[in-house]
Structure formats: structure tokens, C-alpha cells
Amino acid sequence: MAAQHREHGTAVPEPQGRSAGQFGKLSRYRDFLLEIVQAEPDITFKELARALAETHGVEVQLSSLHRALERAGLSYKKRTVIPPNLKGLSRRTYAAVLSFIAGVMPPMAILGLSLL
């Protein structure tokens, strides 16, 4: 910065870091990763890492995969699996049923039906 100040009369710091998405180990495999996730939306990070290693020979940490998919616009969202006999219940009612089953909550009538 001292040399820049001597030459130009002002000193402006250079931008730090690197441009997002242009560099990094996984940037060249972005399309491959997106294709797999779109084909199998419930794939785990371990399965995705294994596919990348088997196909391209690239070993990668699961956290790196997570960041790469986030940069690509994908997010991880847990899905609640509701048994078929409980479908149609509200979230609150479903939560009450699960609490009762887990022994957290005493039995009560739900939708006019006793849980006992």
C-alpha cells in the first residue's frame, strides 16, 4: 500500500478473498452434483460423496458438499413422515398423538376419539 500511495497519491485496499462459485474443488462438478440431486432428491451427503469419488475420483468432506449445494441454490429440508392412518390431521393434532405415543403427554380425546 505504501508503494501504491507513492505512485498514485492514494492507497485503496485490494478486494480480499476470491469470487464466489468460480474457484474451489467442487465448482467443476456442480452440474454433476445437481443432476444427481435432481434425480434422487432424498440422497444423503455420504451417498453423494461416494458417487463423486466413484465417478470422478474426488474425495470431499460432507460440509464442502453442503456448501456447494447451498451456493447452487439448493437447501436441506427435513421432511416429516406421517403414517397413512394419521394423514389429514393438523400439525398440532399429529404432534399431540406423537407426544402421547412417546409418553410425554397424558391421553386425551382428539377429534372426539380417545387415544386409549
C-alpha atoms as a PDB file:
ATOM      1  CA  MET A   1       0.000   0.000   0.000  1.00  0.00           C
ATOM      2  CA  ALA A   2       2.928   2.335   0.656  1.00  0.00           C
ATOM      3  CA  ALA A   3       4.153   1.858  -2.916  1.00  0.00           C
ATOM      4  CA  GLN A   4       0.651   2.496  -4.267  1.00  0.00           C
ATOM      5  CA  HIS A   5       0.447   5.694  -2.211  1.00  0.00           C
ATOM      6  CA  ARG A   6       3.817   6.878  -3.537  1.00  0.00           C
ATOM      7  CA  GLU A   7       2.887   6.128  -7.165  1.00  0.00           C
ATOM      8  CA  HIS A   8      -0.750   7.303  -7.257  1.00  0.00           C
ATOM      9  CA  GLY A   9      -1.085   9.602  -4.275  1.00  0.00           C
ATOM     10  CA  THR A  10      -3.806   7.430  -2.724  1.00  0.00           C
ATOM     11  CA  ALA A  11      -3.945   3.967  -1.226  1.00  0.00           C
ATOM     12  CA  VAL A  12      -7.016   1.788  -1.708  1.00  0.00           C
ATOM     13  CA  PRO A  13      -7.029  -1.731  -0.293  1.00  0.00           C
ATOM     14  CA  GLU A  14      -7.405  -4.569  -2.780  1.00  0.00           C
ATOM     15  CA  PRO A  15     -10.504  -6.795  -2.552  1.00  0.00           C
ATOM     16  CA  GLN A  16      -9.910  -9.844  -0.369  1.00  0.00           C
ATOM     17  CA  GLY A  17     -10.940 -13.419  -0.976  1.00  0.00           C
ATOM     18  CA  ARG A  18     -11.988 -14.968  -4.240  1.00  0.00           C
ATOM     19  CA  SER A  19     -15.091 -14.705  -6.349  1.00  0.00           C
ATOM     20  CA  ALA A  20     -17.890 -16.988  -5.197  1.00  0.00           C
ATOM     21  CA  GLY A  21     -18.500 -20.082  -7.296  1.00  0.00           C
ATOM     22  CA  GLN A  22     -15.594 -19.598  -9.676  1.00  0.00           C
ATOM     23  CA  PHE A  23     -12.958 -21.458  -7.750  1.00  0.00           C
ATOM     24  CA  GLY A  24     -12.814 -24.317  -5.342  1.00  0.00           C
ATOM     25  CA  LYS A  25     -12.601 -28.045  -5.590  1.00  0.00           C
ATOM     26  CA  LEU A  26     -16.267 -28.676  -6.415  1.00  0.00           C
ATOM     27  CA  SER A  27     -17.001 -25.866  -8.872  1.00  0.00           C
ATOM     28  CA  ARG A  28     -16.238 -28.019 -11.928  1.00  0.00           C
ATOM     29  CA  TYR A  29     -18.538 -30.802 -10.611  1.00  0.00           C
ATOM     30  CA  ARG A  30     -21.528 -28.531  -9.957  1.00  0.00           C
ATOM     31  CA  ASP A  31     -23.616 -29.868 -12.867  1.00  0.00           C
ATOM     32  CA  PHE A  32     -22.837 -33.470 -11.897  1.00  0.00           C
ATOM     33  CA  LEU A  33     -23.950 -32.860  -8.298  1.00  0.00           C
ATOM     34  CA  LEU A  34     -27.137 -31.051  -9.327  1.00  0.00           C
ATOM     35  CA  GLU A  35     -28.024 -33.826 -11.775  1.00  0.00           C
ATOM     36  CA  ILE A  36     -27.724 -36.481  -9.067  1.00  0.00           C
ATOM     37  CA  VAL A  37     -29.715 -34.478  -6.515  1.00  0.00           C
ATOM     38  CA  GLN A  38     -32.485 -33.796  -9.025  1.00  0.00           C
ATOM     39  CA  ALA A  39     -32.647 -37.469  -9.974  1.00  0.00           C
ATOM     40  CA  GLU A  40     -32.723 -38.599  -6.338  1.00  0.00           C
ATOM     41  CA  PRO A  41     -33.892 -35.753  -4.032  1.00  0.00           C
ATOM     42  CA  ASP A  42     -33.542 -37.819  -0.829  1.00  0.00           C
ATOM     43  CA  ILE A  43     -29.869 -38.679  -1.394  1.00  0.00           C
ATOM     44  CA  THR A  44     -27.626 -38.233   1.647  1.00  0.00           C
ATOM     45  CA  PHE A  45     -24.368 -36.296   1.665  1.00  0.00           C
ATOM     46  CA  LYS A  46     -22.474 -39.568   2.258  1.00  0.00           C
ATOM     47  CA  GLU A  47     -24.070 -41.139  -0.819  1.00  0.00           C
ATOM     48  CA  LEU A  48     -23.360 -38.006  -2.835  1.00  0.00           C
ATOM     49  CA  ALA A  49     -19.705 -38.003  -1.720  1.00  0.00           C
ATOM     50  CA  ARG A  50     -19.414 -41.693  -2.627  1.00  0.00           C
ATOM     51  CA  ALA A  51     -20.870 -41.046  -6.107  1.00  0.00           C
ATOM     52  CA  LEU A  52     -18.420 -38.182  -6.662  1.00  0.00           C
ATOM     53  CA  ALA A  53     -15.487 -40.352  -5.545  1.00  0.00           C
ATOM     54  CA  GLU A  54     -16.540 -43.310  -7.709  1.00  0.00           C
ATOM     55  CA  THR A  55     -17.287 -41.259 -10.814  1.00  0.00           C
ATOM     56  CA  HIS A  56     -14.601 -38.568 -10.727  1.00  0.00           C
ATOM     57  CA  GLY A  57     -12.128 -39.828  -8.108  1.00  0.00           C
ATOM     58  CA  VAL A  58     -12.637 -36.731  -5.943  1.00  0.00           C
ATOM     59  CA  GLU A  59     -12.629 -37.172  -2.156  1.00  0.00           C
ATOM     60  CA  VAL A  60     -14.550 -34.414  -0.394  1.00  0.00           C
ATOM     61  CA  GLN A  61     -15.809 -33.530   3.074  1.00  0.00           C
ATOM     62  CA  LEU A  62     -19.575 -33.599   3.641  1.00  0.00           C
ATOM     63  CA  SER A  63     -19.524 -29.964   4.767  1.00  0.00           C
ATOM     64  CA  SER A  64     -17.954 -28.988   1.425  1.00  0.00           C
ATOM     65  CA  LEU A  65     -20.793 -30.731  -0.409  1.00  0.00           C
ATOM     66  CA  HIS A  66     -23.309 -28.903   1.769  1.00  0.00           C
ATOM     67  CA  ARG A  67     -21.759 -25.506   0.972  1.00  0.00           C
ATOM     68  CA  ALA A  68     -21.520 -26.319  -2.751  1.00  0.00           C
ATOM     69  CA  LEU A  69     -25.207 -27.263  -2.926  1.00  0.00           C
ATOM     70  CA  GLU A  70     -26.199 -24.161  -0.953  1.00  0.00           C
ATOM     71  CA  ARG A  71     -24.236 -21.989  -3.409  1.00  0.00           C
ATOM     72  CA  ALA A  72     -26.097 -23.748  -6.221  1.00  0.00           C
ATOM     73  CA  GLY A  73     -29.388 -22.660  -4.647  1.00  0.00           C
ATOM     74  CA  LEU A  74     -30.406 -25.941  -3.000  1.00  0.00           C
ATOM     75  CA  SER A  75     -31.307 -26.246   0.659  1.00  0.00           C
ATOM     76  CA  TYR A  76     -31.715 -29.161   3.006  1.00  0.00           C
ATOM     77  CA  LYS A  77     -35.167 -29.507   4.498  1.00  0.00           C
ATOM     78  CA  LYS A  78     -36.210 -32.341   6.771  1.00  0.00           C
ATOM     79  CA  ARG A  79     -39.469 -33.980   5.837  1.00  0.00           C
ATOM     80  CA  THR A  80     -41.847 -35.340   8.409  1.00  0.00           C
ATOM     81  CA  VAL A  81     -43.027 -38.820   7.568  1.00  0.00           C
ATOM     82  CA  ILE A  82     -46.679 -39.205   8.564  1.00  0.00           C
ATOM     83  CA  PRO A  83     -48.151 -42.696   8.811  1.00  0.00           C
ATOM     84  CA  PRO A  84     -51.075 -43.282   6.410  1.00  0.00           C
ATOM     85  CA  ASN A  85     -53.602 -43.732   9.224  1.00  0.00           C
ATOM     86  CA  LEU A  86     -52.773 -40.249  10.588  1.00  0.00           C
ATOM     87  CA  LYS A  87     -52.834 -38.319   7.295  1.00  0.00           C
ATOM     88  CA  GLY A  88     -55.292 -35.476   7.231  1.00  0.00           C
ATOM     89  CA  LEU A  89     -54.689 -34.475  10.854  1.00  0.00           C
ATOM     90  CA  SER A  90     -53.495 -30.970  11.654  1.00  0.00           C
ATOM     91  CA  ARG A  91     -49.891 -30.489  12.748  1.00  0.00           C
ATOM     92  CA  ARG A  92     -50.995 -29.770  16.289  1.00  0.00           C
ATOM     93  CA  THR A  93     -53.100 -32.938  16.455  1.00  0.00           C
ATOM     94  CA  TYR A  94     -50.306 -35.004  14.911  1.00  0.00           C
ATOM     95  CA  ALA A  95     -47.847 -33.565  17.453  1.00  0.00           C
ATOM     96  CA  ALA A  96     -50.252 -34.466  20.281  1.00  0.00           C
ATOM     97  CA  VAL A  97     -50.525 -38.044  19.014  1.00  0.00           C
ATOM     98  CA  LEU A  98     -46.726 -38.377  18.826  1.00  0.00           C
ATOM     99  CA  SER A  99     -46.339 -36.859  22.309  1.00  0.00           C
ATOM    100  CA  PHE A 100     -48.830 -39.357  23.682  1.00  0.00           C
ATOM    101  CA  ILE A 101     -47.070 -42.272  21.977  1.00  0.00           C
ATOM    102  CA  ALA A 102     -43.720 -41.072  23.353  1.00  0.00           C
ATOM    103  CA  GLY A 103     -45.221 -40.911  26.848  1.00  0.00           C
ATOM    104  CA  VAL A 104     -44.707 -37.163  27.175  1.00  0.00           C
ATOM    105  CA  MET A 105     -48.372 -36.270  27.383  1.00  0.00           C
ATOM    106  CA  PRO A 106     -51.346 -37.902  29.145  1.00  0.00           C
ATOM    107  CA  PRO A 107     -54.107 -39.445  26.983  1.00  0.00           C
ATOM    108  CA  MET A 108     -56.768 -37.054  25.753  1.00  0.00           C
ATOM    109  CA  ALA A 109     -59.581 -37.039  23.280  1.00  0.00           C
ATOM    110  CA  ILE A 110     -58.552 -35.967  19.777  1.00  0.00           C
ATOM    111  CA  LEU A 111     -61.254 -35.326  17.210  1.00  0.00           C
ATOM    112  CA  GLY A 112     -63.749 -36.897  19.573  1.00  0.00           C
ATOM    113  CA  LEU A 113     -61.786 -40.162  19.735  1.00  0.00           C
ATOM    114  CA  SER A 114     -59.970 -41.397  22.803  1.00  0.00           C
ATOM    115  CA  LEU A 115     -56.337 -42.382  22.301  1.00  0.00           C
ATOM    116  CA  LEU A 116     -56.772 -45.342  24.635  1.00  0.00           C
END
